[in-house]
Amino acid sequence: MADDRTPPADEPVTPTTHRTMHRTHRRTVVRVVLVTHLVLALLTGVGVAVAYHQLNGNIEALPAIPEEVDRPDAVEVEGPKQPINILVMGSDTRSGAGNQIDGESGAEGSDTTILLHISADRQDAYGVSLPRDALVDRPECVMPGGKKVAGEKLAMFNEAFTVGGPLCTVQMVEKLTDVRIDHQVVVDFNGFKGMVDAVNGVEVCIPKDVDDDEHDIHFDAGTQTLTGRQALNYVRERYVLSVTGDVGRMKRQQAFIASMINKVVSGGTLSRPDRVYNFLDAATGSLQLDEELANLPALVDLAMDLRSTGLDDIKFVTVPFAEYEPDPNRLVWTDKADDLWKRIRNDRPLGREFDGGSVSASDPVGTPSGTPSQPSTDAPSTPEQTERAEAEAEARVQAGLCA
C-alpha cells in the first residue's frame, strides 16, 4: 500500500524525502549485476567479437524527433541521476518473418502502448498502459525532413502510429501529457515470442477454459507456463477471457509482463548463461530503439541503473478512463489522468490513488479458486480494505486473471 505521507503530486520530491518513503527492506530486482557479469563472461570467451557484434548489430535505431518540434521541458531533480520516461509500443503489423500469427490482416498500428517511468533514485519503476481505442485530440506531428502529418480531433489513440509511426505517437503523448519522452522502444510480435521462449516460458494463471475457435486460441484453466505462440495468444485474446474486451486484455498484458520480469531475474534464468544470451539476442533482435539507446553499452548501463529496484517496486497501472458516452465501444481519459501526469513530471511515486489495483512484478499469478497462492502479510482488517480487496479481485477475474 502506498504511503499516505507522500507529498502532493505537484510537489517535487527531494532525494532524502524519496528515500524515507520506501521500506528499509526490499527485494533486489533485477539482480542485474549478475546479468551483466554473465553477459561479460560470454563476451570475453573465444567468441568475443562474434557475440558482441551479434547483439549490438541486432539493434535497429529509430529516427530522432525533429529539432523543430515543440517539446515539454525535461524535469531536473537534485542528485547524480535524472528520471527516465520511456514510451514502449507494440507493433500490430503482420509484416516480417514470424509475424503472421493469425487470420487477421493487421495494420501499421500500435497494439500496445505503455509509458514507463523510472525514478531518479531508481527505487521506483511504473508503467502506464494507454488504451489503443481511447479517443484523443491528436496533434500535428513532424516527420524527418520536415514533412507534417495533420492532427485530428477525437481520433483513436493508435491511429497516430498508423499515420506517422512511433515518431507521431511520441509527439502525441508528449502533447497530451506534458511529459517529455526520453526514449522510445518498438517491439513486434515475433520478438515478443522469442523473448518468452528465451527464458523457457512465463507462468500465468488462467481462471477458466478458453475455446476461441474463430481465432484458434485454446487454453485449459489453471496455473501453467506458456511459451512463445501460446504466450502471444494469451496476451492478445479478448473474446473469452476478458468480459471487458481490450480493457481486460491490457490488465492481462500488464500481469504477463510483470511475470516475465520476475522470470528474467530469477535464478533459473540468471544461472543459465545460455538463457541470458538467448534473451538478449531475442530482445536486441526484435527491438527498435531511439538512437541514444540503440547500442549494447547503453542498454547495459540502463540495466545497471535498475539494480537497486525491487520487484515489488515495478508496477503497472492503466490511465484513468471512462466510456465515451456517444459510443460505449470507445474510451476517453478522465480528469484523474492529469494527476498521474503530474506525478510523472515531478518524479513522484504512484501514491494510494493509483497504487490500488496495480500489478507488481512481485505479485503471485493467483489461483483459479481465488484462494491466495501465498499468505498475505497485509490482510484487510477494515470494511473499507476488505471492500477494496474484493473489488480488485473482481477486476482481475473480469480481465481474465486468477484472483
Protein backbone atom coordinates (compact mmCIF):
# COMPACT_ATOMS: atom_id res chain seq x y z
CA MET A 1 0.00 0.00 0.00
CA ALA A 2 1.25 3.44 -0.82
CA ASP A 3 2.49 5.72 1.96
CA ASP A 4 -0.18 8.27 2.93
CA ARG A 5 2.58 10.66 3.98
CA THR A 6 3.63 11.29 0.39
CA PRO A 7 3.51 14.98 -0.60
CA PRO A 8 1.02 16.20 -3.22
CA ALA A 9 1.55 15.08 -6.82
CA ASP A 10 2.65 18.52 -7.96
CA GLU A 11 5.30 18.89 -5.22
CA PRO A 12 8.73 17.65 -6.39
CA VAL A 13 10.46 15.22 -4.09
CA THR A 14 13.97 15.67 -2.80
CA PRO A 15 16.20 12.59 -2.80
CA THR A 16 16.12 12.49 1.02
CA THR A 17 12.31 12.58 1.12
CA HIS A 18 12.06 9.95 -1.56
CA ARG A 19 14.35 7.55 0.28
CA THR A 20 12.45 7.85 3.54
CA MET A 21 9.20 6.90 1.80
CA HIS A 22 10.48 3.43 0.94
CA ARG A 23 10.74 0.37 3.10
CA THR A 24 14.13 -0.38 4.52
CA HIS A 25 13.94 -3.97 3.40
CA ARG A 26 13.30 -4.54 -0.28
CA ARG A 27 13.75 -7.42 -2.60
CA THR A 28 16.52 -6.85 -5.11
CA VAL A 29 15.12 -6.58 -8.63
CA VAL A 30 16.90 -7.44 -11.18
CA ARG A 31 19.93 -8.90 -9.99
CA VAL A 32 21.17 -7.07 -12.99
CA VAL A 33 24.72 -7.07 -11.73
CA LEU A 34 24.68 -10.82 -12.19
CA VAL A 35 23.12 -10.48 -15.62
CA THR A 36 25.85 -8.07 -16.65
CA HIS A 37 28.58 -10.32 -15.32
CA LEU A 38 27.17 -13.27 -17.20
CA VAL A 39 26.97 -11.25 -20.39
CA LEU A 40 30.55 -10.10 -19.90
CA ALA A 41 31.59 -13.69 -19.35
CA LEU A 42 30.00 -14.61 -22.65
CA LEU A 43 31.72 -11.74 -24.38
CA THR A 44 35.19 -12.47 -23.00
CA GLY A 45 35.46 -16.00 -24.33
CA VAL A 46 36.63 -17.18 -27.73
CA GLY A 47 33.67 -15.58 -29.47
CA VAL A 48 34.14 -12.07 -28.07
CA ALA A 49 33.86 -10.20 -31.36
CA VAL A 50 31.18 -12.50 -32.75
CA ALA A 51 28.94 -12.32 -29.67
CA TYR A 52 29.29 -8.57 -29.21
CA HIS A 53 28.69 -7.76 -32.87
CA GLN A 54 25.78 -10.19 -32.98
CA LEU A 55 23.98 -8.49 -30.09
CA ASN A 56 24.95 -4.94 -30.97
CA GLY A 57 24.27 -5.49 -34.66
CA ASN A 58 20.78 -6.77 -33.90
CA ILE A 59 19.59 -3.38 -32.68
CA GLU A 60 17.70 -1.15 -35.10
CA ALA A 61 17.67 2.59 -34.42
CA LEU A 62 14.56 4.73 -34.77
CA PRO A 63 14.73 8.24 -36.26
CA ALA A 64 15.12 11.06 -33.77
CA ILE A 65 12.34 13.55 -33.10
CA PRO A 66 12.98 16.58 -35.36
CA GLU A 67 14.51 19.57 -33.57
CA GLU A 68 11.75 21.93 -34.71
CA VAL A 69 9.13 20.07 -32.65
CA ASP A 70 7.95 21.98 -29.58
CA ARG A 71 8.50 19.54 -26.71
CA PRO A 72 7.94 19.59 -22.93
CA ASP A 73 10.90 20.60 -20.81
CA ALA A 74 12.84 17.83 -19.12
CA VAL A 75 12.30 17.75 -15.35
CA GLU A 76 15.53 18.08 -13.39
CA VAL A 77 15.91 16.86 -9.81
CA GLU A 78 18.77 17.07 -7.34
CA GLY A 79 21.16 14.15 -7.38
CA PRO A 80 23.52 12.30 -9.69
CA LYS A 81 20.79 10.89 -11.95
CA GLN A 82 17.59 12.10 -13.57
CA PRO A 83 14.24 10.33 -14.01
CA ILE A 84 13.68 8.47 -17.28
CA ASN A 85 10.46 8.22 -19.31
CA ILE A 86 10.31 5.51 -21.97
CA LEU A 87 7.41 5.02 -24.40
CA VAL A 88 7.09 1.31 -25.26
CA MET A 89 5.00 0.47 -28.34
CA GLY A 90 3.98 -2.97 -29.55
CA SER A 91 3.70 -3.01 -33.33
CA ASP A 92 0.48 -4.51 -34.72
CA THR A 93 1.93 -5.08 -38.19
CA ARG A 94 1.81 -8.64 -39.57
CA SER A 95 4.69 -7.96 -41.97
CA GLY A 96 8.08 -9.55 -41.36
CA ALA A 97 9.18 -13.09 -40.60
CA GLY A 98 7.12 -14.77 -37.90
CA ASN A 99 4.52 -12.03 -37.53
CA GLN A 100 1.70 -13.71 -39.45
CA ILE A 101 0.22 -15.14 -36.29
CA ASP A 102 -3.46 -15.37 -37.15
CA GLY A 103 -6.03 -14.82 -39.84
CA GLU A 104 -6.13 -11.07 -39.27
CA SER A 105 -4.50 -8.76 -41.78
CA GLY A 106 -3.12 -6.43 -39.13
CA ALA A 107 -2.21 -2.83 -39.65
CA GLU A 108 0.67 -0.46 -39.20
CA GLY A 109 -0.69 0.37 -35.79
CA SER A 110 0.33 0.13 -32.17
CA ASP A 111 -1.41 -2.78 -30.46
CA THR A 112 0.01 -1.93 -27.03
CA THR A 113 1.44 1.32 -25.64
CA ILE A 114 3.00 1.71 -22.18
CA LEU A 115 4.57 4.85 -20.73
CA LEU A 116 7.31 3.63 -18.37
CA HIS A 117 8.60 5.99 -15.66
CA ILE A 118 11.86 5.22 -13.83
CA SER A 119 12.55 7.42 -10.80
CA ALA A 120 15.75 9.42 -10.46
CA ASP A 121 16.88 7.36 -7.45
CA ARG A 122 15.99 4.16 -9.36
CA GLN A 123 13.83 2.97 -6.46
CA ASP A 124 10.56 3.02 -8.45
CA ALA A 125 9.55 1.98 -11.93
CA TYR A 126 5.94 2.00 -13.09
CA GLY A 127 4.31 1.55 -16.46
CA VAL A 128 1.07 3.24 -17.51
CA SER A 129 -0.97 1.43 -20.18
CA LEU A 130 -2.59 3.74 -22.73
CA PRO A 131 -5.71 2.18 -24.34
CA ARG A 132 -5.48 1.94 -28.11
CA ASP A 133 -9.23 2.65 -28.53
CA ALA A 134 -9.25 5.83 -26.44
CA LEU A 135 -10.38 8.96 -28.28
CA VAL A 136 -7.87 11.81 -28.06
CA ASP A 137 -7.10 15.04 -29.86
CA ARG A 138 -4.14 14.01 -31.97
CA PRO A 139 -1.86 16.97 -32.66
CA GLU A 140 0.01 17.68 -35.87
CA CYS A 141 3.32 15.83 -35.90
CA VAL A 142 6.58 16.49 -37.72
CA MET A 143 8.46 13.73 -39.53
CA PRO A 144 12.14 13.62 -40.53
CA GLY A 145 12.79 16.10 -43.31
CA GLY A 146 10.09 18.45 -42.06
CA LYS A 147 7.08 16.64 -43.53
CA LYS A 148 3.98 17.27 -41.38
CA VAL A 149 1.13 14.90 -40.61
CA ALA A 150 -2.14 16.70 -39.88
CA GLY A 151 -3.77 16.34 -36.48
CA GLU A 152 -7.34 15.23 -35.82
CA LYS A 153 -9.97 15.80 -33.14
CA LEU A 154 -11.34 12.74 -31.34
CA ALA A 155 -9.05 10.32 -33.14
CA MET A 156 -8.35 6.83 -31.89
CA PHE A 157 -5.12 6.75 -29.91
CA ASN A 158 -3.38 4.11 -32.01
CA GLU A 159 -4.06 5.94 -35.28
CA ALA A 160 -1.01 8.10 -34.54
CA PHE A 161 1.17 5.04 -35.13
CA THR A 162 -0.75 4.22 -38.32
CA VAL A 163 -0.32 7.66 -39.88
CA GLY A 164 3.14 8.53 -38.58
CA GLY A 165 4.70 5.58 -36.77
CA PRO A 166 6.43 5.84 -33.39
CA LEU A 167 7.53 9.45 -34.00
CA CYS A 168 3.94 10.67 -34.23
CA THR A 169 2.95 8.55 -31.24
CA VAL A 170 5.74 10.05 -29.11
CA GLN A 171 4.82 13.61 -30.14
CA MET A 172 1.15 12.93 -29.41
CA VAL A 173 1.84 11.50 -25.94
CA GLU A 174 4.06 14.46 -25.10
CA LYS A 175 1.32 16.92 -26.12
CA LEU A 176 -1.41 15.06 -24.24
CA THR A 177 0.56 14.57 -21.01
CA ASP A 178 3.17 17.36 -20.99
CA VAL A 179 5.67 14.60 -20.10
CA ARG A 180 8.93 14.60 -22.03
CA ILE A 181 9.71 11.19 -23.50
CA ASP A 182 13.39 10.37 -23.14
CA HIS A 183 13.41 7.12 -25.08
CA GLN A 184 11.16 5.23 -27.47
CA VAL A 185 11.00 1.46 -27.98
CA VAL A 186 9.06 -0.61 -30.54
CA VAL A 187 8.70 -4.41 -30.32
CA ASP A 188 6.97 -6.73 -32.79
CA PHE A 189 5.03 -9.97 -32.30
CA ASN A 190 7.84 -12.32 -33.31
CA GLY A 191 10.32 -10.62 -30.99
CA PHE A 192 7.89 -10.99 -28.10
CA LYS A 193 7.64 -14.72 -28.73
CA GLY A 194 11.42 -15.01 -28.90
CA MET A 195 11.94 -13.32 -25.53
CA VAL A 196 9.37 -15.61 -23.87
CA ASP A 197 11.00 -18.72 -25.34
CA ALA A 198 14.47 -17.50 -24.33
CA VAL A 199 13.52 -17.68 -20.63
CA ASN A 200 11.85 -21.07 -21.12
CA GLY A 201 8.31 -19.71 -20.81
CA VAL A 202 6.37 -17.46 -18.42
CA GLU A 203 3.95 -18.56 -15.68
CA VAL A 204 0.32 -17.43 -15.79
CA CYS A 205 -2.94 -18.49 -14.18
CA ILE A 206 -6.00 -18.85 -16.42
CA PRO A 207 -9.32 -18.79 -14.49
CA LYS A 208 -11.36 -20.81 -16.99
CA ASP A 209 -11.05 -22.92 -20.12
CA VAL A 210 -10.72 -20.94 -23.34
CA ASP A 211 -12.08 -22.25 -26.63
CA ASP A 212 -11.96 -19.49 -29.22
CA ASP A 213 -12.35 -21.45 -32.45
CA GLU A 214 -12.57 -18.35 -34.63
CA HIS A 215 -9.05 -17.24 -33.65
CA ASP A 216 -7.73 -20.75 -32.91
CA ILE A 217 -6.95 -19.92 -29.29
CA HIS A 218 -7.42 -22.72 -26.75
CA PHE A 219 -6.34 -22.96 -23.11
CA ASP A 220 -7.12 -25.18 -20.15
CA ALA A 221 -7.83 -23.45 -16.84
CA GLY A 222 -5.13 -23.39 -14.19
CA THR A 223 -1.61 -22.23 -13.42
CA GLN A 224 0.76 -23.03 -16.27
CA THR A 225 3.86 -21.92 -18.12
CA LEU A 226 3.29 -20.53 -21.61
CA THR A 227 5.87 -20.49 -24.37
CA GLY A 228 6.09 -18.20 -27.41
CA ARG A 229 2.99 -18.69 -29.55
CA GLN A 230 0.85 -19.65 -26.55
CA ALA A 231 2.01 -16.51 -24.71
CA LEU A 232 1.16 -14.33 -27.69
CA ASN A 233 -2.30 -15.86 -27.95
CA TYR A 234 -2.80 -15.31 -24.22
CA VAL A 235 -1.96 -11.60 -24.19
CA ARG A 236 -3.97 -10.95 -27.36
CA GLU A 237 -7.14 -12.95 -26.56
CA ARG A 238 -10.06 -10.60 -25.92
CA TYR A 239 -13.24 -12.52 -26.68
CA VAL A 240 -13.44 -15.22 -23.99
CA LEU A 241 -11.14 -14.35 -21.11
CA SER A 242 -11.91 -10.65 -20.82
CA VAL A 243 -15.53 -9.63 -20.32
CA THR A 244 -14.28 -6.06 -20.73
CA GLY A 245 -12.57 -6.76 -24.07
CA ASP A 246 -9.48 -4.64 -24.73
CA VAL A 247 -9.59 -3.14 -21.23
CA GLY A 248 -9.24 -6.56 -19.64
CA ARG A 249 -6.63 -7.54 -22.17
CA MET A 250 -4.48 -4.58 -21.07
CA LYS A 251 -4.64 -5.81 -17.47
CA ARG A 252 -3.62 -9.28 -18.61
CA GLN A 253 -0.74 -7.87 -20.62
CA GLN A 254 0.45 -6.00 -17.53
CA ALA A 255 0.32 -9.17 -15.44
CA PHE A 256 2.16 -11.14 -18.11
CA ILE A 257 4.94 -8.56 -18.45
CA ALA A 258 5.27 -8.47 -14.65
CA SER A 259 5.55 -12.26 -14.55
CA MET A 260 8.13 -12.23 -17.34
CA ILE A 261 10.24 -9.67 -15.45
CA ASN A 262 10.06 -11.95 -12.44
CA LYS A 263 11.22 -14.88 -14.59
CA VAL A 264 14.03 -12.91 -16.24
CA VAL A 265 15.58 -12.01 -12.87
CA SER A 266 15.02 -15.43 -11.31
CA GLY A 267 17.83 -17.84 -10.51
CA GLY A 268 16.54 -20.16 -13.23
CA THR A 269 17.46 -17.56 -15.83
CA LEU A 270 20.46 -15.79 -14.31
CA SER A 271 22.21 -19.06 -13.51
CA ARG A 272 21.97 -20.10 -17.16
CA PRO A 273 24.33 -18.11 -19.42
CA ASP A 274 22.70 -19.65 -22.47
CA ARG A 275 19.28 -18.30 -21.44
CA VAL A 276 20.73 -14.89 -20.65
CA TYR A 277 22.36 -14.71 -24.06
CA ASN A 278 19.28 -16.05 -25.85
CA PHE A 279 17.08 -13.50 -24.10
CA LEU A 280 19.40 -10.64 -25.05
CA ASP A 281 19.66 -11.98 -28.60
CA ALA A 282 15.85 -12.12 -28.92
CA ALA A 283 15.39 -8.71 -27.29
CA THR A 284 18.02 -6.88 -29.32
CA GLY A 285 16.81 -8.58 -32.50
CA SER A 286 13.20 -7.50 -32.03
CA LEU A 287 13.51 -4.03 -30.55
CA GLN A 288 13.70 -0.74 -32.37
CA LEU A 289 15.09 1.97 -30.09
CA ASP A 290 15.92 5.64 -30.33
CA GLU A 291 19.46 6.43 -31.44
CA GLU A 292 20.71 7.17 -27.92
CA LEU A 293 19.58 3.79 -26.59
CA ALA A 294 20.22 1.67 -29.69
CA ASN A 295 23.53 0.15 -28.64
CA LEU A 296 24.58 -2.59 -26.24
CA PRO A 297 26.61 -0.40 -23.82
CA ALA A 298 23.64 1.97 -23.34
CA LEU A 299 21.30 -0.94 -22.59
CA VAL A 300 23.78 -2.42 -20.10
CA ASP A 301 24.08 0.98 -18.39
CA LEU A 302 20.29 1.16 -18.07
CA ALA A 303 20.17 -2.37 -16.63
CA MET A 304 22.88 -1.48 -14.12
CA ASP A 305 20.89 1.59 -13.11
CA LEU A 306 17.98 -0.67 -12.13
CA ARG A 307 19.99 -2.99 -9.90
CA SER A 308 18.52 -1.45 -6.73
CA THR A 309 14.88 -1.54 -7.88
CA GLY A 310 12.86 -4.18 -6.05
CA LEU A 311 10.37 -6.43 -7.80
CA ASP A 312 7.62 -5.01 -5.59
CA ASP A 313 8.57 -1.54 -6.83
CA ILE A 314 7.98 -2.40 -10.51
CA LYS A 315 4.27 -1.80 -11.08
CA PHE A 316 1.77 -1.41 -13.90
CA VAL A 317 -1.41 0.65 -13.98
CA THR A 318 -3.83 1.93 -16.62
CA VAL A 319 -4.52 5.58 -17.32
CA PRO A 320 -7.87 6.57 -15.71
CA PHE A 321 -10.59 6.30 -18.35
CA ALA A 322 -14.34 6.23 -18.89
CA GLU A 323 -16.68 5.16 -21.67
CA TYR A 324 -17.24 7.73 -24.39
CA GLU A 325 -20.99 8.31 -24.00
CA PRO A 326 -21.89 8.65 -27.71
CA ASP A 327 -20.11 5.32 -28.39
CA PRO A 328 -19.54 2.88 -25.48
CA ASN A 329 -17.06 0.97 -27.67
CA ARG A 330 -14.66 3.90 -27.32
CA LEU A 331 -12.95 5.35 -24.26
CA VAL A 332 -11.76 8.76 -23.08
CA TRP A 333 -9.20 9.69 -20.42
CA THR A 334 -10.73 11.21 -17.30
CA ASP A 335 -9.58 14.28 -15.37
CA LYS A 336 -7.80 11.98 -12.91
CA ALA A 337 -5.23 11.31 -15.61
CA ASP A 338 -3.91 14.84 -15.10
CA ASP A 339 -2.76 13.96 -11.59
CA LEU A 340 -0.97 10.89 -12.91
CA TRP A 341 0.94 13.02 -15.44
CA LYS A 342 1.83 15.46 -12.64
CA ARG A 343 3.29 12.61 -10.65
CA ILE A 344 5.44 11.55 -13.58
CA ARG A 345 6.53 15.11 -14.36
CA ASN A 346 7.57 15.65 -10.75
CA ASP A 347 9.12 12.20 -10.34
CA ARG A 348 6.57 11.09 -7.75
CA PRO A 349 5.60 7.54 -6.76
CA LEU A 350 2.11 6.37 -7.68
CA GLY A 351 0.55 7.08 -4.27
CA ARG A 352 -2.58 5.43 -2.87
CA GLU A 353 -4.87 6.84 -5.56
CA PHE A 354 -3.13 4.93 -8.34
CA ASP A 355 -1.36 2.14 -6.45
CA GLY A 356 -4.60 0.33 -5.64
CA GLY A 357 -5.25 -2.31 -8.27
CA SER A 358 -1.77 -2.02 -9.74
CA VAL A 359 0.06 -5.14 -10.91
CA SER A 360 3.50 -5.71 -9.39
CA ALA A 361 6.38 -7.83 -10.67
CA SER A 362 6.43 -9.48 -7.22
CA ASP A 363 2.73 -10.48 -7.33
CA PRO A 364 1.85 -14.18 -7.45
CA VAL A 365 -0.11 -15.20 -10.53
CA GLY A 366 -3.06 -16.29 -8.39
CA THR A 367 -5.14 -19.46 -8.28
CA PRO A 368 -8.32 -20.39 -10.21
CA SER A 369 -10.17 -21.00 -6.94
CA GLY A 370 -9.48 -17.48 -5.74
CA THR A 371 -7.50 -18.77 -2.77
CA PRO A 372 -4.31 -16.70 -2.37
CA SER A 373 -1.32 -18.63 -3.66
CA GLN A 374 0.82 -17.36 -0.79
CA PRO A 375 -0.01 -15.98 2.66
CA SER A 376 -0.59 -12.25 2.75
CA THR A 377 1.13 -10.13 5.38
CA ASP A 378 -1.28 -7.27 4.71
CA ALA A 379 -4.63 -8.97 5.19
CA PRO A 380 -7.53 -6.47 5.11
CA SER A 381 -8.61 -5.51 8.61
CA THR A 382 -11.29 -2.87 7.97
CA PRO A 383 -14.51 -2.96 5.93
CA GLU A 384 -13.04 -0.41 3.52
CA GLN A 385 -9.91 -2.50 2.97
CA THR A 386 -11.97 -5.65 2.56
CA GLU A 387 -14.23 -3.96 0.02
CA ARG A 388 -11.24 -2.65 -1.91
CA ALA A 389 -9.57 -6.08 -1.94
CA GLU A 390 -12.77 -7.71 -3.20
CA ALA A 391 -13.13 -5.09 -5.93
CA GLU A 392 -9.54 -5.63 -7.04
CA ALA A 393 -10.04 -9.40 -7.09
CA GLU A 394 -13.20 -8.98 -9.19
CA ALA A 395 -11.33 -6.69 -11.61
CA ARG A 396 -8.68 -9.40 -12.06
CA VAL A 397 -11.33 -12.01 -12.83
CA GLN A 398 -13.02 -9.71 -15.36
CA ALA A 399 -9.66 -9.21 -17.04
CA GLY A 400 -9.14 -12.96 -17.37
CA LEU A 401 -6.72 -13.26 -14.44
CA CYS A 402 -6.99 -15.53 -11.41
CA ALA A 403 -7.94 -13.87 -8.13
